[in-house]
Protein backbone atom coordinates (compact mmCIF):
# COMPACT_ATOMS: atom_id res chain seq x y z
CA MET A 1 -273.40 -8.49 -58.36
CA LEU A 2 -270.61 -7.05 -56.39
CA ASN A 3 -267.10 -7.90 -57.22
CA THR A 4 -264.41 -9.51 -55.17
CA THR A 5 -262.15 -6.90 -53.65
CA MET A 6 -258.20 -7.19 -54.15
CA GLY A 7 -255.30 -5.92 -52.10
CA ILE A 8 -251.83 -6.80 -51.06
CA ARG A 9 -251.01 -4.68 -47.74
CA GLY A 10 -253.83 -6.24 -45.83
CA MET A 11 -257.47 -6.49 -45.54
CA VAL A 12 -260.63 -6.53 -43.26
CA THR A 13 -264.06 -7.74 -43.86
CA ALA A 14 -266.77 -6.68 -41.17
CA PRO A 15 -270.72 -6.51 -41.31
CA HIS A 16 -270.34 -2.57 -40.85
CA HIS A 17 -268.06 -0.59 -42.86
CA MET A 18 -266.96 1.43 -39.85
CA ALA A 19 -265.52 -1.68 -38.39
CA ALA A 20 -263.50 -2.83 -41.43
CA GLU A 21 -262.27 0.76 -41.91
CA ALA A 22 -260.82 1.02 -38.50
CA GLY A 23 -259.08 -2.31 -38.86
CA ARG A 24 -257.88 -1.35 -42.24
CA ASP A 25 -256.42 1.81 -40.87
CA VAL A 26 -254.36 -0.14 -38.15
CA LEU A 27 -252.98 -2.60 -40.89
CA ARG A 28 -251.76 0.75 -42.55
CA GLU A 29 -249.82 1.67 -39.45
CA ASN A 30 -248.11 -1.73 -39.73
CA GLY A 31 -250.13 -3.44 -37.25
CA THR A 32 -250.90 -6.85 -37.16
CA ALA A 33 -254.15 -8.53 -38.25
CA THR A 34 -254.89 -9.32 -34.52
CA GLU A 35 -254.32 -5.61 -33.70
CA ALA A 36 -256.60 -4.48 -36.53
CA MET A 37 -259.14 -7.13 -35.09
CA VAL A 38 -259.35 -5.57 -31.94
CA ALA A 39 -260.02 -2.14 -33.40
CA ALA A 40 -262.55 -3.55 -35.45
CA ALA A 41 -263.90 -5.43 -32.48
CA ALA A 42 -264.46 -2.34 -30.28
CA VAL A 43 -265.86 -0.31 -33.45
CA ILE A 44 -268.41 -3.09 -34.18
CA ALA A 45 -269.47 -3.23 -30.44
CA VAL A 46 -270.44 0.43 -30.78
CA VAL A 47 -272.02 0.69 -33.95
CA TYR A 48 -273.79 -2.64 -34.17
CA PRO A 49 -275.29 -2.88 -30.55
CA HIS A 50 -278.14 -5.04 -31.38
CA MET A 51 -275.64 -7.96 -32.54
CA ASN A 52 -272.67 -7.71 -30.09
CA SER A 53 -271.43 -5.85 -27.22
CA ILE A 54 -268.28 -5.89 -24.95
CA GLY A 55 -270.78 -7.46 -22.65
CA GLY A 56 -270.73 -10.62 -24.51
CA ASP A 57 -268.42 -13.38 -25.57
CA GLY A 58 -265.87 -14.12 -28.43
CA PHE A 59 -263.77 -16.80 -30.07
CA TRP A 60 -260.66 -16.41 -32.30
CA LEU A 61 -258.66 -18.44 -34.52
CA ILE A 62 -255.23 -16.85 -35.40
CA GLY A 63 -252.99 -18.24 -37.97
CA ARG A 64 -250.04 -17.76 -40.13
CA PRO A 65 -248.52 -19.38 -43.12
CA GLY A 66 -246.96 -22.59 -42.45
CA ALA A 67 -248.29 -23.13 -38.86
CA ALA A 68 -251.66 -24.39 -37.35
CA PRO A 69 -253.74 -21.84 -36.03
CA ILE A 70 -254.36 -21.19 -32.13
CA GLY A 71 -258.14 -20.84 -30.84
CA ILE A 72 -259.00 -18.50 -28.00
CA ASP A 73 -261.94 -19.36 -26.12
CA ALA A 74 -263.28 -16.11 -24.54
CA SER A 75 -266.72 -17.24 -23.45
CA GLY A 76 -267.60 -16.84 -19.90
CA PRO A 77 -268.85 -19.35 -17.31
CA ALA A 78 -272.07 -19.09 -15.23
CA ALA A 79 -271.82 -17.03 -12.09
CA LYS A 80 -271.30 -19.08 -8.90
CA LEU A 81 -274.48 -17.83 -7.60
CA ALA A 82 -276.26 -19.48 -10.70
CA SER A 83 -277.60 -22.50 -9.64
CA ARG A 84 -280.95 -24.35 -10.48
CA ASP A 85 -281.73 -23.70 -6.89
CA PHE A 86 -281.02 -19.82 -7.22
CA TYR A 87 -283.51 -19.64 -9.86
CA ARG A 88 -286.21 -21.85 -8.14
CA GLU A 89 -286.10 -19.87 -5.14
CA HIS A 90 -286.94 -17.00 -7.02
CA GLY A 91 -290.14 -18.81 -8.16
CA LEU A 92 -288.85 -19.38 -11.76
CA ALA A 93 -289.35 -22.75 -13.56
CA ALA A 94 -287.00 -21.32 -16.45
CA ILE A 95 -284.28 -18.91 -16.84
CA PRO A 96 -285.82 -15.51 -18.13
CA THR A 97 -284.83 -14.75 -21.53
CA ARG A 98 -284.43 -11.06 -20.78
CA GLY A 99 -283.46 -8.47 -17.70
CA PRO A 100 -280.96 -9.08 -15.03
CA MET A 101 -281.53 -12.60 -14.22
CA ALA A 102 -280.63 -13.60 -17.82
CA ALA A 103 -277.47 -12.03 -17.47
CA LEU A 104 -275.75 -14.65 -15.50
CA THR A 105 -272.63 -15.63 -17.16
CA VAL A 106 -269.26 -13.57 -17.40
CA PRO A 107 -268.82 -11.48 -20.57
CA GLY A 108 -265.57 -12.83 -21.95
CA THR A 109 -264.97 -10.96 -25.15
CA ILE A 110 -262.66 -8.30 -23.49
CA GLY A 111 -260.31 -11.11 -21.84
CA GLY A 112 -260.46 -12.55 -25.43
CA TRP A 113 -258.89 -9.01 -26.89
CA LYS A 114 -256.32 -9.10 -24.32
CA ALA A 115 -255.32 -13.00 -24.80
CA ALA A 116 -255.20 -12.43 -28.61
CA LEU A 117 -252.93 -9.20 -28.10
CA SER A 118 -250.62 -11.27 -25.89
CA HIS A 119 -249.87 -13.62 -29.06
CA ALA A 120 -249.49 -10.57 -31.28
CA THR A 121 -246.94 -8.93 -28.96
CA VAL A 122 -245.11 -12.18 -29.19
CA GLU A 123 -245.11 -11.90 -32.81
CA ARG A 124 -244.51 -8.17 -33.74
CA GLY A 125 -247.48 -6.17 -32.27
CA ARG A 126 -246.47 -2.62 -31.58
CA LEU A 127 -249.52 -0.32 -31.56
CA PRO A 128 -250.59 0.89 -28.07
CA LEU A 129 -254.00 -0.09 -26.79
CA SER A 130 -255.04 3.32 -26.52
CA ARG A 131 -254.76 3.50 -30.37
CA LEU A 132 -256.65 0.50 -31.09
CA LEU A 133 -259.68 1.68 -29.07
CA GLU A 134 -259.38 5.22 -30.18
CA PRO A 135 -261.91 4.99 -33.18
CA ALA A 136 -264.51 3.14 -30.98
CA ILE A 137 -264.21 5.83 -28.39
CA ALA A 138 -264.87 8.40 -30.85
CA LEU A 139 -267.70 7.01 -32.45
CA ALA A 140 -269.38 5.96 -28.98
CA ARG A 141 -268.97 9.83 -27.95
CA GLU A 142 -269.91 11.60 -31.12
CA GLY A 143 -272.26 9.12 -32.25
CA VAL A 144 -272.98 6.95 -34.98
CA PRO A 145 -276.01 6.76 -37.62
CA VAL A 146 -278.33 4.15 -36.85
CA THR A 147 -278.65 1.32 -39.34
CA SER A 148 -281.95 0.19 -40.87
CA GLY A 149 -281.12 -3.22 -39.32
CA GLN A 150 -280.90 -1.80 -35.88
CA VAL A 151 -284.30 0.06 -36.46
CA ARG A 152 -285.85 -3.01 -37.59
CA VAL A 153 -284.72 -5.44 -34.83
CA THR A 154 -285.36 -2.49 -32.17
CA SER A 155 -288.89 -2.35 -33.65
CA GLU A 156 -289.40 -5.84 -33.57
CA LYS A 157 -288.34 -6.56 -30.02
CA LEU A 158 -289.57 -3.19 -28.62
CA GLU A 159 -292.20 -4.73 -26.23
CA GLU A 160 -289.81 -6.99 -24.46
CA LEU A 161 -286.96 -4.84 -24.17
CA ARG A 162 -288.27 -1.15 -23.45
CA ASP A 163 -288.73 -1.38 -19.70
CA LEU A 164 -285.62 -3.20 -18.98
CA PRO A 165 -282.90 -1.26 -16.95
CA GLY A 166 -281.02 1.03 -19.35
CA PHE A 167 -282.26 -0.04 -22.51
CA SER A 168 -284.78 2.69 -23.24
CA LYS A 169 -282.21 5.59 -22.24
CA THR A 170 -279.43 4.15 -24.47
CA PHE A 171 -281.40 2.84 -27.61
CA LEU A 172 -284.66 4.73 -27.81
CA ASP A 173 -285.55 8.39 -28.74
CA ALA A 174 -287.01 10.98 -26.37
CA SER A 175 -290.15 9.56 -27.09
CA ASP A 176 -289.19 6.08 -25.88
CA ARG A 177 -289.49 4.97 -29.63
CA PRO A 178 -287.23 3.17 -31.92
CA PRO A 179 -284.81 5.97 -33.47
CA GLU A 180 -285.18 6.56 -37.00
CA CYS A 181 -282.79 5.21 -39.84
CA GLY A 182 -279.83 7.76 -39.82
CA ALA A 183 -280.54 9.12 -36.33
CA ARG A 184 -277.38 9.62 -34.21
CA LEU A 185 -276.71 6.99 -31.48
CA ARG A 186 -274.32 8.41 -28.68
CA GLN A 187 -273.27 6.26 -25.92
CA PRO A 188 -271.15 8.36 -23.77
CA ALA A 189 -270.73 5.82 -20.87
CA LEU A 190 -269.62 3.43 -23.09
CA ALA A 191 -267.14 5.82 -24.50
CA ASP A 192 -265.82 6.51 -20.79
CA THR A 193 -265.18 2.86 -20.16
CA LEU A 194 -263.71 2.21 -23.58
CA GLU A 195 -261.45 5.34 -22.77
CA HIS A 196 -260.36 3.94 -19.33
CA LEU A 197 -259.68 0.58 -20.48
CA GLY A 198 -257.30 2.20 -23.28
CA SER A 199 -255.25 3.88 -20.27
CA ALA A 200 -255.40 1.25 -17.67
CA GLY A 201 -255.52 -1.87 -19.67
CA LEU A 202 -258.06 -4.64 -20.66
CA ASP A 203 -257.50 -6.52 -17.64
CA ASP A 204 -259.45 -3.65 -15.77
CA PHE A 205 -262.80 -4.84 -16.88
CA TYR A 206 -262.17 -7.92 -14.55
CA ARG A 207 -259.75 -6.77 -11.82
CA GLY A 208 -260.04 -3.13 -11.55
CA ASP A 209 -262.33 -0.08 -11.49
CA ILE A 210 -264.65 -1.21 -14.32
CA ALA A 211 -265.05 -4.40 -12.75
CA ARG A 212 -265.99 -3.09 -9.29
CA SER A 213 -268.44 -0.69 -11.14
CA MET A 214 -269.97 -3.42 -13.11
CA ALA A 215 -270.33 -5.84 -10.10
CA ALA A 216 -272.01 -3.27 -8.11
CA ASP A 217 -274.59 -2.33 -10.96
CA LEU A 218 -275.28 -6.09 -11.42
CA ASP A 219 -275.80 -6.78 -7.81
CA ALA A 220 -278.17 -4.02 -7.50
CA LEU A 221 -280.24 -4.95 -10.39
CA GLY A 222 -280.68 -8.40 -9.44
CA SER A 223 -278.03 -10.31 -11.45
CA PRO A 224 -276.39 -13.55 -9.76
CA LEU A 225 -272.91 -12.26 -11.17
CA ARG A 226 -270.53 -10.83 -8.73
CA LEU A 227 -267.17 -9.18 -8.40
CA ASN A 228 -265.65 -12.64 -7.64
CA ASP A 229 -266.86 -14.17 -10.85
CA LEU A 230 -265.01 -11.42 -13.00
CA LEU A 231 -262.00 -11.65 -10.87
CA GLU A 232 -261.47 -15.36 -11.44
CA TYR A 233 -262.16 -14.91 -14.93
CA ARG A 234 -259.34 -16.20 -17.80
CA PRO A 235 -260.15 -16.72 -21.44
CA LEU A 236 -258.80 -20.28 -22.74
CA THR A 237 -256.22 -21.02 -25.26
CA VAL A 238 -257.20 -24.00 -27.15
CA GLU A 239 -256.34 -26.46 -29.91
CA PRO A 240 -258.74 -25.88 -33.11
CA LEU A 241 -260.71 -28.89 -34.43
CA SER A 242 -259.42 -29.78 -37.83
CA LEU A 243 -260.60 -31.74 -41.01
CA ARG A 244 -258.48 -32.70 -44.00
CA LEU A 245 -261.06 -31.89 -47.20
CA GLY A 246 -259.47 -32.56 -50.67
CA ARG A 247 -256.72 -30.14 -51.00
CA ALA A 248 -257.29 -28.10 -48.09
CA ARG A 249 -257.24 -28.41 -44.18
CA LEU A 250 -260.19 -26.71 -42.35
CA TYR A 251 -260.45 -25.52 -38.95
CA ASN A 252 -262.82 -24.50 -36.31
CA MET A 253 -263.40 -24.14 -32.54
CA PRO A 254 -263.77 -27.03 -30.12
CA PRO A 255 -266.72 -27.41 -27.52
CA PRO A 256 -268.53 -25.69 -26.07
CA THR A 257 -269.06 -24.31 -29.79
CA GLN A 258 -270.82 -25.86 -32.62
CA GLY A 259 -267.46 -25.74 -34.47
CA LEU A 260 -267.58 -29.61 -34.75
CA ALA A 261 -270.87 -29.73 -36.50
CA SER A 262 -269.54 -27.28 -39.24
CA LEU A 263 -266.63 -29.48 -40.08
CA LEU A 264 -269.09 -32.48 -39.67
CA ILE A 265 -271.27 -30.91 -42.55
CA LEU A 266 -268.44 -30.57 -45.01
CA GLY A 267 -266.98 -34.04 -44.03
CA ILE A 268 -270.14 -35.89 -44.57
CA HIS A 269 -271.09 -33.86 -47.55
CA GLN A 270 -267.85 -34.79 -49.28
CA ARG A 271 -268.58 -38.46 -48.81
CA VAL A 272 -272.11 -38.82 -49.82
CA PRO A 273 -272.71 -41.09 -52.77
CA VAL A 274 -273.99 -38.74 -55.65
CA PRO A 275 -276.31 -40.88 -58.08
CA ASP A 276 -276.75 -40.16 -61.70
CA MET A 277 -279.93 -38.51 -61.76
CA ASP A 278 -280.74 -36.75 -64.95
CA SER A 279 -283.06 -33.85 -65.08
CA PRO A 280 -283.15 -30.02 -64.93
CA ASP A 281 -281.20 -28.34 -62.18
CA MET A 282 -280.29 -31.86 -60.87
CA ASP A 283 -276.76 -30.57 -60.15
CA SER A 284 -278.38 -27.93 -57.59
CA TYR A 285 -280.84 -30.34 -56.08
CA ARG A 286 -277.85 -32.72 -55.51
CA TYR A 287 -275.58 -30.13 -54.05
CA VAL A 288 -278.38 -28.47 -51.74
CA HIS A 289 -280.24 -31.81 -50.88
CA ALA A 290 -276.79 -33.39 -49.89
CA LEU A 291 -275.86 -30.38 -47.75
CA VAL A 292 -279.07 -30.17 -45.86
CA GLU A 293 -278.96 -33.84 -45.07
CA SER A 294 -275.35 -33.55 -43.79
CA THR A 295 -276.57 -30.79 -41.73
CA LYS A 296 -279.18 -32.89 -40.07
CA LYS A 297 -276.61 -35.50 -39.32
CA ALA A 298 -274.23 -32.99 -38.01
CA PHE A 299 -276.83 -31.20 -35.84
CA ARG A 300 -277.98 -34.38 -34.02
CA VAL A 301 -274.59 -35.23 -32.95
CA ARG A 302 -274.02 -31.44 -31.79
CA ASP A 303 -277.02 -31.59 -29.93
CA ARG A 304 -276.53 -34.93 -28.33
CA HIS A 305 -272.85 -34.37 -27.23
CA ILE A 306 -271.66 -30.67 -27.25
CA THR A 307 -271.43 -28.66 -23.96
CA ASP A 308 -268.71 -27.54 -21.66
CA PRO A 309 -265.96 -29.98 -22.33
CA GLY A 310 -265.72 -30.81 -18.64
CA TRP A 311 -269.32 -32.07 -18.69
CA MET A 312 -268.76 -34.27 -22.05
CA THR A 313 -268.40 -37.96 -22.26
CA VAL A 314 -267.16 -38.31 -25.76
CA ASN A 315 -264.03 -37.05 -27.67
CA PRO A 316 -265.31 -34.78 -30.43
CA GLU A 317 -262.60 -35.75 -32.71
CA THR A 318 -264.23 -39.30 -32.84
CA PHE A 319 -266.78 -37.95 -35.26
CA LEU A 320 -264.04 -36.70 -37.59
CA ARG A 321 -262.59 -39.77 -38.24
CA ASP A 322 -262.84 -41.33 -41.88
CA GLU A 323 -264.66 -44.49 -40.81
CA TRP A 324 -267.39 -42.39 -39.06
CA LEU A 325 -268.11 -39.84 -41.65
CA GLU A 326 -268.32 -42.56 -44.46
CA ALA A 327 -271.00 -44.41 -42.22
CA ALA A 328 -272.93 -41.00 -42.02
CA ALA A 329 -272.71 -40.33 -45.44
CA ASN A 330 -273.79 -43.82 -46.52
CA GLU A 331 -276.91 -43.25 -44.31
CA ILE A 332 -278.20 -40.28 -46.44
CA ASP A 333 -280.99 -40.95 -49.18
CA MET A 334 -280.28 -38.83 -51.98
CA THR A 335 -284.00 -39.07 -53.18
CA ARG A 336 -285.79 -38.50 -49.84
CA ALA A 337 -285.40 -36.00 -46.88
CA ALA A 338 -284.69 -37.35 -43.38
CA PRO A 339 -287.44 -36.37 -40.63
CA TRP A 340 -287.42 -32.90 -39.39
CA PRO A 341 -287.97 -30.35 -37.64
CA HIS A 342 -285.44 -30.09 -34.96
CA PRO A 343 -285.31 -27.72 -32.09
CA GLY A 344 -283.44 -24.68 -33.25
CA ALA A 345 -281.06 -22.28 -31.66
CA SER A 346 -281.29 -18.60 -32.22
CA GLY A 347 -278.38 -16.52 -32.05
CA ASP A 348 -277.27 -12.77 -32.72
CA THR A 349 -273.55 -12.27 -33.58
CA VAL A 350 -270.95 -10.67 -35.64
CA TRP A 351 -267.97 -12.38 -37.53
CA MET A 352 -265.08 -10.45 -39.07
CA GLY A 353 -261.89 -11.48 -40.54
CA ALA A 354 -258.55 -9.86 -41.16
CA ILE A 355 -255.17 -10.67 -42.94
CA ASP A 356 -252.23 -8.64 -42.79
CA SER A 357 -249.51 -8.33 -44.92
CA GLN A 358 -247.30 -10.89 -43.45
CA GLY A 359 -249.89 -13.38 -43.66
CA GLN A 360 -251.17 -13.47 -39.95
CA ALA A 361 -254.94 -14.32 -40.55
CA VAL A 362 -257.70 -13.78 -37.77
CA SER A 363 -261.34 -15.20 -37.88
CA PHE A 364 -263.26 -13.63 -35.08
CA ILE A 365 -266.93 -13.83 -33.88
CA GLN A 366 -268.41 -11.62 -31.13
CA SER A 367 -271.81 -12.29 -29.56
CA VAL A 368 -274.43 -11.30 -26.93
CA TYR A 369 -276.52 -14.29 -28.06
CA TRP A 370 -280.01 -12.77 -28.70
CA GLU A 371 -280.72 -9.36 -30.03
CA TYR A 372 -279.39 -7.02 -27.47
CA GLY A 373 -278.72 -9.85 -25.45
CA ALA A 374 -280.30 -9.63 -21.94
CA GLY A 375 -281.37 -6.17 -22.78
CA VAL A 376 -279.58 -4.51 -19.60
CA VAL A 377 -277.50 -1.71 -20.03
CA LEU A 378 -275.21 -1.04 -16.82
CA PRO A 379 -275.73 2.56 -15.83
CA ALA A 380 -272.18 3.45 -14.95
CA THR A 381 -270.26 1.86 -17.38
CA GLY A 382 -272.79 1.77 -20.55
CA VAL A 383 -272.16 -2.13 -20.94
CA LEU A 384 -274.87 -4.19 -22.54
CA MET A 385 -274.86 -7.80 -20.97
CA GLN A 386 -275.44 -10.74 -22.79
CA ASN A 387 -277.98 -13.50 -22.32
CA ARG A 388 -275.96 -16.62 -23.38
CA GLY A 389 -276.69 -18.14 -20.08
CA ILE A 390 -280.31 -18.80 -21.14
CA SER A 391 -279.19 -21.76 -23.23
CA PHE A 392 -278.79 -23.53 -19.75
CA GLY A 393 -281.82 -25.51 -18.60
CA LEU A 394 -283.19 -25.94 -15.15
CA ASP A 395 -283.87 -29.71 -15.69
CA VAL A 396 -281.17 -31.93 -14.18
CA GLN A 397 -281.56 -34.11 -16.78
CA SER A 398 -280.86 -31.49 -19.77
CA PRO A 399 -277.59 -31.82 -21.79
CA GLN A 400 -277.18 -28.27 -20.97
CA ALA A 401 -278.18 -28.41 -17.35
CA LEU A 402 -277.13 -25.03 -15.38
CA GLU A 403 -274.59 -25.52 -12.78
CA PRO A 404 -272.30 -22.64 -11.39
CA SER A 405 -268.92 -22.12 -13.12
CA ARG A 406 -270.25 -24.12 -16.29
CA ARG A 407 -269.67 -22.41 -19.56
CA PRO A 408 -272.74 -22.65 -21.81
CA PHE A 409 -273.22 -23.94 -25.33
CA HIS A 410 -272.17 -21.74 -28.20
CA THR A 411 -273.43 -21.35 -31.69
CA LEU A 412 -270.32 -19.12 -32.27
CA ASN A 413 -267.64 -20.70 -34.41
CA PRO A 414 -265.20 -18.92 -36.81
CA ALA A 415 -263.67 -20.72 -39.48
CA MET A 416 -260.28 -20.95 -41.14
CA ALA A 417 -258.83 -23.05 -44.07
CA SER A 418 -255.34 -23.76 -45.57
CA PHE A 419 -254.85 -25.17 -48.97
CA ASP A 420 -252.13 -27.16 -50.48
CA ASP A 421 -251.26 -24.31 -52.83
CA GLY A 422 -250.34 -22.00 -50.09
CA ARG A 423 -253.56 -20.10 -50.03
CA HIS A 424 -255.03 -19.28 -46.59
CA MET A 425 -258.77 -18.42 -45.88
CA VAL A 426 -260.85 -17.15 -43.05
CA TYR A 427 -264.70 -17.27 -43.20
CA GLY A 428 -267.73 -17.12 -41.22
CA THR A 429 -270.99 -15.50 -40.36
CA MET A 430 -273.48 -14.49 -37.65
CA GLY A 431 -276.80 -16.47 -37.80
CA GLY A 432 -277.44 -19.10 -34.96
CA GLU A 433 -277.97 -22.38 -36.68
CA GLY A 434 -277.32 -20.81 -39.86
CA GLN A 435 -273.56 -20.24 -39.05
CA PRO A 436 -272.22 -23.83 -39.97
CA GLN A 437 -274.56 -24.04 -43.15
CA THR A 438 -273.55 -20.69 -44.33
CA GLN A 439 -269.92 -21.92 -43.84
CA ALA A 440 -270.43 -24.96 -45.86
CA ALA A 441 -272.17 -22.93 -48.74
CA ILE A 442 -269.36 -20.28 -49.06
CA PHE A 443 -266.18 -22.92 -48.73
CA THR A 444 -268.09 -25.49 -51.06
CA ARG A 445 -268.63 -22.72 -53.71
CA TYR A 446 -265.42 -21.05 -53.56
CA ALA A 447 -263.05 -24.24 -53.09
CA ASN A 448 -265.01 -27.02 -55.10
CA GLU A 449 -267.16 -24.97 -57.77
CA MET A 450 -264.35 -22.39 -58.20
CA MET A 451 -266.88 -19.39 -57.80
CA PRO A 452 -265.30 -16.09 -57.29
CA LEU A 453 -265.34 -15.35 -53.55
CA GLN A 454 -267.64 -12.61 -53.53
CA LYS A 455 -269.98 -14.62 -55.83
CA ALA A 456 -269.66 -17.41 -53.01
CA VAL A 457 -270.94 -15.00 -50.41
CA SER A 458 -273.62 -13.33 -52.55
CA ALA A 459 -275.04 -16.30 -54.22
CA PRO A 460 -278.69 -17.39 -52.89
CA ARG A 461 -278.49 -19.41 -49.34
CA TRP A 462 -280.73 -21.58 -47.54
CA LEU A 463 -281.31 -22.04 -43.93
CA LEU A 464 -282.54 -25.22 -42.17
CA GLY A 465 -283.85 -24.43 -38.43
CA ARG A 466 -283.97 -21.37 -36.78
CA THR A 467 -281.98 -18.28 -36.60
CA TRP A 468 -282.04 -14.84 -35.07
CA GLY A 469 -285.44 -13.07 -35.59
CA ASP A 470 -287.40 -16.36 -36.58
CA SER A 471 -288.91 -19.30 -35.02
CA THR A 472 -289.63 -21.73 -37.64
CA THR A 473 -287.60 -24.84 -38.30
CA ASP A 474 -288.37 -25.60 -42.16
CA LEU A 475 -286.04 -25.56 -44.97
CA LYS A 476 -285.78 -21.80 -46.02
CA LEU A 477 -284.58 -20.83 -49.23
CA GLU A 478 -283.96 -17.25 -50.79
CA SER A 479 -286.40 -16.57 -53.81
CA ARG A 480 -283.36 -16.49 -56.17
CA PHE A 481 -283.23 -20.16 -56.50
CA PRO A 482 -285.01 -21.56 -59.58
CA ALA A 483 -288.62 -22.75 -58.88
CA SER A 484 -287.40 -26.12 -60.49
CA LEU A 485 -285.28 -26.90 -57.65
CA LEU A 486 -288.08 -25.73 -54.94
CA GLU A 487 -290.21 -28.27 -56.55
CA GLN A 488 -287.52 -31.21 -56.61
CA LEU A 489 -286.84 -30.38 -52.95
CA GLN A 490 -290.54 -30.70 -51.76
CA ALA A 491 -291.20 -33.83 -54.07
CA ALA A 492 -288.11 -35.19 -52.00
CA GLY A 493 -290.07 -34.47 -48.71
CA HIS A 494 -288.47 -31.09 -47.63
CA ALA A 495 -290.84 -28.58 -46.01
CA ILE A 496 -289.80 -25.55 -47.99
CA GLU A 497 -290.51 -21.63 -47.09
CA THR A 498 -289.41 -19.09 -49.68
CA VAL A 499 -288.09 -15.93 -48.17
CA LYS A 500 -286.99 -12.64 -49.92
CA ASP A 501 -283.73 -11.83 -51.67
CA PHE A 502 -280.50 -11.00 -49.79
CA ASP A 503 -282.58 -11.89 -46.44
CA SER A 504 -280.79 -11.00 -43.31
CA MET A 505 -281.86 -14.30 -41.62
CA MET A 506 -279.24 -15.96 -44.07
CA GLY A 507 -276.40 -14.40 -41.97
CA HIS A 508 -274.03 -11.51 -42.48
CA ALA A 509 -271.21 -13.72 -43.83
CA GLY A 510 -267.61 -12.61 -45.10
CA ALA A 511 -264.15 -14.30 -46.10
CA ILE A 512 -260.66 -13.54 -46.95
CA VAL A 513 -258.14 -15.37 -48.90
CA ARG A 514 -254.69 -14.71 -49.04
CA HIS A 515 -252.55 -16.39 -52.00
CA SER A 516 -249.01 -17.68 -51.85
CA ASP A 517 -247.79 -14.37 -53.75
CA GLY A 518 -249.61 -12.26 -51.11
CA LEU A 519 -252.64 -11.25 -53.19
CA LEU A 520 -255.50 -10.64 -51.02
CA GLU A 521 -259.20 -11.37 -52.17
CA GLY A 522 -262.02 -10.28 -49.63
CA ALA A 523 -265.87 -10.77 -49.83
CA SER A 524 -268.69 -8.93 -47.76
CA ASP A 525 -272.26 -9.91 -47.48
CA PRO A 526 -274.85 -7.74 -49.32
CA ARG A 527 -277.07 -8.87 -46.86
CA SER A 528 -275.32 -6.52 -44.19
CA ASP A 529 -274.08 -3.12 -43.66
CA GLY A 530 -270.53 -4.43 -44.14
CA ALA A 531 -267.63 -3.62 -46.33
CA VAL A 532 -264.36 -5.15 -47.43
CA ALA A 533 -261.37 -2.64 -46.48
CA ALA A 534 -258.17 -3.13 -48.21
CA GLY A 535 -254.75 -1.61 -46.47
């Protein structure tokens, strides 16, 4: 078992060690947690391309001791040309999952970096943008060793990706096969793009040379995105949703993310009546069963109501009221599983956290949706485009019906918590529907069961529904759970599937906690290629 990493001068956790180290180095130069996160975000886009890209979206929670955090919604809307008629006129009954026509939403993550740095500048940011992007530029130009996870994903998705524009040239070897683990991946066009942004400024991605180059390539390839879509893009500063839970206040992102579901799982779980049931491993059964049943309640609310706030008919905070949470909890049967399956949402993401020596804390998530997103690499800039827009539907009755300029539903939801004793926590994971479930497991194990932070991340996890790389919607549990627990869950009516130990489908999680005396504790997921780096 890994031990919890400790430090004082600042800390970064990421699912790839090079990203954590890049952020750590910024902290050592007295940069803020926000500046460290931009450096880490740029590096992770280079070294983990199967999980994220600067052609994707991002979400931020930025907080500091004694103040409520701010949220940055750096998700992109659908192109103005991206209407239901547009796809039907091209003879399509559904939005393609890959290729240029799957790249129909503005990539927002670079705008999020700019917005986050504007807050850092107000407080005490001081490092130039060129310095923050320098590690990513060098890694893209000189190359990075391909991870085993990237090899696996590339091999599994090869047939649907290899013929897409720019994919083979960028991510396959000279024989058009997935590279071997440890082979060097070079991305010179992406290096040039990051270098240009470092000198011209991040706004160039939307209103400068990079924007014009991207728009020309997108138009030529057949995407509905145009230059005007980039020119008009602005990220949003939003108020996070929050929930009081015991001796802590939890924060998460508002719609169009599933942040509400993450808070609902924990809010319902806290209120579930726990009967006295004496038998071996009953404590484990009560814990897992109650969280899984709370997840079902939360996901039904999410899928019925959560979308672009401009299209919503309810206030999400309605569901965070005590009376609603109590009623939902009282409907849970602790002896029987509620009906399932339920349509799942896949996702492909990275979560990273940072806290600096002054207590500024960042919980950040960046994604291209599916593995490698749309699979399209723009030739002039080396930007891999996301396919987040495929979560829209072409049926006008769909709760996520495609409309020009509408933002799609997002599984992305970075989490943060402030404890009454002065501790401040950032935590999160990748993994589609697994994100809120893993967040619930990490928080309850750390805050309620008082597990050491790294143990809370490493401990065996479960997943109800579908996540990246998987299509089934039953209840999956890692094989480290005791057989008696599996038997109890099956007896209660859960459809159980056992998966391998430390399975990547359970997400690449992480967490950092800062204590009131300045002590920092950090955890990284052994299921990933990640690390905790202390300043």
